[in-house]
C-alpha atoms as a PDB file:
ATOM      1  CA  MET A   1      33.272  38.063  21.050  1.00  0.00           C
ATOM      2  CA  PHE A   2      32.478  34.984  18.931  1.00  0.00           C
ATOM      3  CA  LEU A   3      29.993  32.501  20.473  1.00  0.00           C
ATOM      4  CA  LEU A   4      29.321  28.932  19.405  1.00  0.00           C
ATOM      5  CA  GLU A   5      25.570  29.545  19.847  1.00  0.00           C
ATOM      6  CA  ASP A   6      25.672  32.178  17.083  1.00  0.00           C
ATOM      7  CA  VAL A   7      27.171  29.646  14.659  1.00  0.00           C
ATOM      8  CA  VAL A   8      24.579  27.011  15.538  1.00  0.00           C
ATOM      9  CA  MET A   9      21.680  29.423  15.196  1.00  0.00           C
ATOM     10  CA  SER A  10      22.848  30.711  11.852  1.00  0.00           C
ATOM     11  CA  ALA A  11      23.212  27.144  10.556  1.00  0.00           C
ATOM     12  CA  LEU A  12      19.742  26.244  11.807  1.00  0.00           C
ATOM     13  CA  ASP A  13      18.299  29.373  10.232  1.00  0.00           C
ATOM     14  CA  LYS A  14      19.215  27.928   6.819  1.00  0.00           C
ATOM     15  CA  LEU A  15      16.881  24.970   7.359  1.00  0.00           C
ATOM     16  CA  LYS A  16      13.269  25.019   6.278  1.00  0.00           C
ATOM     17  CA  LEU A  17      11.410  24.005   9.435  1.00  0.00           C
ATOM     18  CA  SER A  18       7.879  22.651   9.618  1.00  0.00           C
ATOM     19  CA  GLU A  19       5.300  21.672  12.236  1.00  0.00           C
ATOM     20  CA  MET A  20       4.560  18.425  10.359  1.00  0.00           C
ATOM     21  CA  THR A  21       5.159  15.183  12.236  1.00  0.00           C
ATOM     22  CA  ARG A  22       5.715  11.732  10.832  1.00  0.00           C
ATOM     23  CA  ARG A  23       2.284  10.585  11.962  1.00  0.00           C
ATOM     24  CA  ALA A  24       0.523  13.640  10.533  1.00  0.00           C
ATOM     25  CA  VAL A  25       0.800  12.243   7.000  1.00  0.00           C
ATOM     26  CA  ALA A  26      -1.576   9.398   7.801  1.00  0.00           C
ATOM     27  CA  ALA A  27      -3.508  11.295  10.476  1.00  0.00           C
ATOM     28  CA  THR A  28      -6.417  12.086   8.180  1.00  0.00           C
ATOM     29  CA  PRO A  29      -8.900   9.356   7.263  1.00  0.00           C
ATOM     30  CA  GLU A  30      -8.005   9.791   3.596  1.00  0.00           C
ATOM     31  CA  GLY A  31      -4.322   9.480   4.424  1.00  0.00           C
ATOM     32  CA  ARG A  32      -4.880   6.202   6.268  1.00  0.00           C
ATOM     33  CA  LEU A  33      -6.914   4.794   3.390  1.00  0.00           C
ATOM     34  CA  ARG A  34      -4.267   5.850   0.868  1.00  0.00           C
ATOM     35  CA  HIS A  35      -1.414   4.478   2.962  1.00  0.00           C
ATOM     36  CA  LYS A  36      -3.043   1.059   3.320  1.00  0.00           C
ATOM     37  CA  LEU A  37      -3.787   0.872  -0.398  1.00  0.00           C
ATOM     38  CA  VAL A  38      -0.271   1.984  -1.371  1.00  0.00           C
ATOM     39  CA  GLU A  39       1.234  -0.726   0.861  1.00  0.00           C
ATOM     40  CA  ALA A  40      -0.989  -3.344  -0.798  1.00  0.00           C
ATOM     41  CA  ILE A  41       0.004  -2.110  -4.265  1.00  0.00           C
ATOM     42  CA  ASN A  42       3.677  -2.338  -3.275  1.00  0.00           C
ATOM     43  CA  GLN A  43       3.107  -5.994  -2.300  1.00  0.00           C
ATOM     44  CA  GLN A  44       1.468  -6.664  -5.659  1.00  0.00           C
ATOM     45  CA  ILE A  45       4.416  -5.070  -7.473  1.00  0.00           C
ATOM     46  CA  ALA A  46       6.859  -7.222  -5.494  1.00  0.00           C
ATOM     47  CA  ALA A  47       4.817 -10.334  -6.341  1.00  0.00           C
ATOM     48  CA  VAL A  48       4.777  -9.513 -10.064  1.00  0.00           C
ATOM     49  CA  GLU A  49       8.531  -8.872 -10.071  1.00  0.00           C
ATOM     50  CA  ALA A  50       9.113 -12.216  -8.326  1.00  0.00           C
ATOM     51  CA  MET A  51       6.833 -13.945 -10.832  1.00  0.00           C
ATOM     52  CA  GLN A  52       8.730 -12.417 -13.756  1.00  0.00           C
ATOM     53  CA  LYS A  53      12.028 -13.663 -12.284  1.00  0.00           C
ATOM     54  CA  GLY A  54      10.559 -17.125 -11.769  1.00  0.00           C
ATOM     55  CA  GLU A  55      10.820 -16.872  -7.982  1.00  0.00           C
ATOM     56  CA  GLY A  56       8.219 -17.609  -5.353  1.00  0.00           C
ATOM     57  CA  PHE A  57       6.589 -14.829  -3.352  1.00  0.00           C
ATOM     58  CA  GLU A  58       5.366 -15.091   0.203  1.00  0.00           C
ATOM     59  CA  ILE A  59       4.343 -12.705   2.943  1.00  0.00           C
ATOM     60  CA  ARG A  60       5.287 -13.332   6.535  1.00  0.00           C
ATOM     61  CA  ARG A  61       3.873 -11.655   9.631  1.00  0.00           C
ATOM     62  CA  LYS A  62       4.877 -11.905  13.257  1.00  0.00           C
ATOM     63  CA  ARG A  63       2.109 -13.299  15.467  1.00  0.00           C
ATOM     64  CA  TRP A  64       1.898 -14.007  19.177  1.00  0.00           C
ATOM     65  CA  THR A  65       0.847 -17.587  19.916  1.00  0.00           C
ATOM     66  CA  LYS A  66       0.336 -19.517  23.141  1.00  0.00           C
ATOM     67  CA  ASP A  67       1.888 -22.901  23.674  1.00  0.00           C
ATOM     68  CA  GLY A  68       0.314 -25.715  25.706  1.00  0.00           C
ATOM     69  CA  GLU A  69       1.514 -24.203  28.991  1.00  0.00           C
ATOM     70  CA  GLY A  70       0.043 -20.774  28.247  1.00  0.00           C
ATOM     71  CA  ASN A  71       3.355 -19.081  27.444  1.00  0.00           C
ATOM     72  CA  LYS A  72       3.247 -16.493  24.672  1.00  0.00           C
ATOM     73  CA  THR A  73       5.856 -16.667  21.934  1.00  0.00           C
ATOM     74  CA  LEU A  74       6.375 -14.446  18.906  1.00  0.00           C
ATOM     75  CA  GLN A  75       6.387 -16.555  15.752  1.00  0.00           C
ATOM     76  CA  ASP A  76       6.910 -15.793  12.092  1.00  0.00           C
ATOM     77  CA  ARG A  77       3.815 -16.974  10.211  1.00  0.00           C
ATOM     78  CA  LEU A  78       3.145 -17.338   6.512  1.00  0.00           C
ATOM     79  CA  VAL A  79       0.192 -15.232   5.304  1.00  0.00           C
ATOM     80  CA  LYS A  80      -1.804 -16.218   2.232  1.00  0.00           C
ATOM     81  CA  PHE A  81      -1.097 -13.882  -0.681  1.00  0.00           C
ATOM     82  CA  ARG A  82      -3.961 -13.078  -3.041  1.00  0.00           C
ATOM     83  CA  PRO A  83      -2.852 -11.591  -6.354  1.00  0.00           C
ATOM     84  CA  TRP A  84      -5.016  -8.898  -7.910  1.00  0.00           C
ATOM     85  CA  TYR A  85      -4.055  -9.975 -11.432  1.00  0.00           C
ATOM     86  CA  TRP A  86      -4.996 -12.997 -13.491  1.00  0.00           C
ATOM     87  CA  GLN A  87      -4.422 -14.332 -16.966  1.00  0.00           C
ATOM     88  CA  GLN A  88      -7.314 -14.811 -19.343  1.00  0.00           C
ATOM     89  CA  ALA A  89      -7.672 -17.721 -21.764  1.00  0.00           C
ATOM     90  CA  ASN A  90      -6.263 -15.592 -24.622  1.00  0.00           C
ATOM     91  CA  GLY A  91      -3.088 -14.906 -22.594  1.00  0.00           C
ATOM     92  CA  ALA A  92      -3.891 -11.285 -21.710  1.00  0.00           C
ATOM     93  CA  PHE A  93      -3.581 -10.167 -18.111  1.00  0.00           C
ATOM     94  CA  MET A  94      -6.290  -8.371 -16.159  1.00  0.00           C
ATOM     95  CA  LEU A  95      -5.974  -6.416 -12.909  1.00  0.00           C
ATOM     96  CA  GLU A  96      -8.405  -5.558 -10.114  1.00  0.00           C
ATOM     97  CA  VAL A  97      -7.542  -3.031  -7.436  1.00  0.00           C
ATOM     98  CA  ARG A  98      -8.660  -4.223  -4.024  1.00  0.00           C
ATOM     99  CA  TYR A  99      -8.973  -2.528  -0.671  1.00  0.00           C
ATOM    100  CA  GLY A 100      -8.926  -5.353   1.826  1.00  0.00           C
ATOM    101  CA  ASN A 101     -10.981  -8.006   0.103  1.00  0.00           C
ATOM    102  CA  LYS A 102     -13.298  -5.532  -1.632  1.00  0.00           C
ATOM    103  CA  ILE A 103     -12.895  -4.549  -5.275  1.00  0.00           C
ATOM    104  CA  VAL A 104     -12.416  -0.824  -5.907  1.00  0.00           C
ATOM    105  CA  GLU A 105     -14.454   0.652  -8.758  1.00  0.00           C
ATOM    106  CA  ILE A 106     -11.979   2.725 -10.747  1.00  0.00           C
ATOM    107  CA  LYS A 107     -14.840   4.291 -12.714  1.00  0.00           C
ATOM    108  CA  PRO A 108     -18.555   3.591 -12.196  1.00  0.00           C
ATOM    109  CA  LYS A 109     -19.174  -0.100 -12.929  1.00  0.00           C
ATOM    110  CA  LYS A 110     -15.570  -0.513 -14.158  1.00  0.00           C
ATOM    111  CA  THR A 111     -13.525  -2.655 -11.794  1.00  0.00           C
ATOM    112  CA  ALA A 112     -10.948  -4.403 -13.983  1.00  0.00           C
ATOM    113  CA  ILE A 113      -8.031  -2.989 -15.932  1.00  0.00           C
ATOM    114  CA  GLU A 114      -7.017  -4.701 -19.163  1.00  0.00           C
ATOM    115  CA  ILE A 115      -3.249  -5.085 -19.124  1.00  0.00           C
ATOM    116  CA  GLY A 116      -2.332  -7.312 -22.026  1.00  0.00           C
ATOM    117  CA  ASP A 117       1.277  -8.472 -21.642  1.00  0.00           C
ATOM    118  CA  VAL A 118       2.785  -9.478 -18.296  1.00  0.00           C
ATOM    119  CA  ALA A 119       5.518  -6.861 -18.792  1.00  0.00           C
ATOM    120  CA  GLU A 120       2.874  -4.131 -18.423  1.00  0.00           C
ATOM    121  CA  LEU A 121       1.730  -5.237 -14.959  1.00  0.00           C
ATOM    122  CA  VAL A 122       4.398  -3.356 -12.978  1.00  0.00           C
ATOM    123  CA  PRO A 123       4.041  -0.072 -14.935  1.00  0.00           C
ATOM    124  CA  THR A 124       0.248  -0.258 -14.555  1.00  0.00           C
ATOM    125  CA  LEU A 125       0.465  -0.943 -10.824  1.00  0.00           C
ATOM    126  CA  THR A 126       2.937   1.946 -10.499  1.00  0.00           C
ATOM    127  CA  LEU A 127       0.515   4.208 -12.341  1.00  0.00           C
ATOM    128  CA  VAL A 128      -2.327   3.150 -10.025  1.00  0.00           C
ATOM    129  CA  ARG A 129      -0.079   3.759  -6.992  1.00  0.00           C
ATOM    130  CA  ASP A 130       0.736   7.262  -8.252  1.00  0.00           C
ATOM    131  CA  ALA A 131      -2.985   7.930  -8.712  1.00  0.00           C
ATOM    132  CA  VAL A 132      -3.680   6.793  -5.144  1.00  0.00           C
ATOM    133  CA  VAL A 133      -0.927   9.021  -3.740  1.00  0.00           C
ATOM    134  CA  ALA A 134      -2.312  11.954  -5.754  1.00  0.00           C
ATOM    135  CA  GLY A 135      -5.752  11.336  -4.224  1.00  0.00           C
ATOM    136  CA  GLU A 136      -7.512  10.351  -7.445  1.00  0.00           C
ATOM    137  CA  LEU A 137      -9.213   7.362  -5.791  1.00  0.00           C
ATOM    138  CA  ASP A 138     -10.194   9.108  -2.543  1.00  0.00           C
ATOM    139  CA  LYS A 139     -13.843   9.338  -3.564  1.00  0.00           C
ATOM    140  CA  GLN A 140     -14.040   5.608  -4.313  1.00  0.00           C
ATOM    141  CA  LEU A 141     -12.249   4.677  -1.085  1.00  0.00           C
ATOM    142  CA  ALA A 142     -14.499   6.961   0.965  1.00  0.00           C
ATOM    143  CA  ALA A 143     -17.568   5.365  -0.647  1.00  0.00           C
ATOM    144  CA  MET A 144     -16.247   1.926   0.255  1.00  0.00           C
ATOM    145  CA  LYS A 145     -15.614   3.014   3.816  1.00  0.00           C
ATOM    146  CA  GLY A 146     -19.156   4.380   3.955  1.00  0.00           C
ATOM    147  CA  ARG A 147     -20.557   1.049   2.813  1.00  0.00           C
ATOM    148  CA  PHE A 148     -18.505  -1.093   5.145  1.00  0.00           C
ATOM    149  CA  GLY A 149     -17.950   1.175   8.142  1.00  0.00           C
ATOM    150  CA  LYS A 150     -14.884   1.043  10.342  1.00  0.00           C
ATOM    151  CA  LYS A 151     -13.738  -2.334   8.981  1.00  0.00           C
ATOM    152  CA  LEU A 152     -11.827  -0.609   6.159  1.00  0.00           C
ATOM    153  CA  ALA A 153     -10.119   2.151   8.150  1.00  0.00           C
END
């Protein structure tokens, strides 16, 4: 006799199952540090792309505020954006990687990346993001966390 359960089980047997959960990716301290830095790099990339198109870039966050009567309301607030890149007097662009408001040392005593042309900002930020995902800056991020405690985690 043919049962529907046999068909379902055989279809499920074709799947590669795992014990991993969505939260397990950022469950480690290194994963949380990486995730926060990757999100910040993604914001920088979006800002550079907006700048290249001649558009403005702003970040908005939802915040709870109290009115005069003590009632809480959820409002959309503008957050100040701080670019990691700047243009030197000779026209070349420079880039600093930041974790929070602290500068990350890419190599010992080397904090800035020389970019050159504005067109190279996005590829450089993408390269830095790939390095963060690969764990190449874990040692620097852990050292920063050690210096500043729980504020960075």
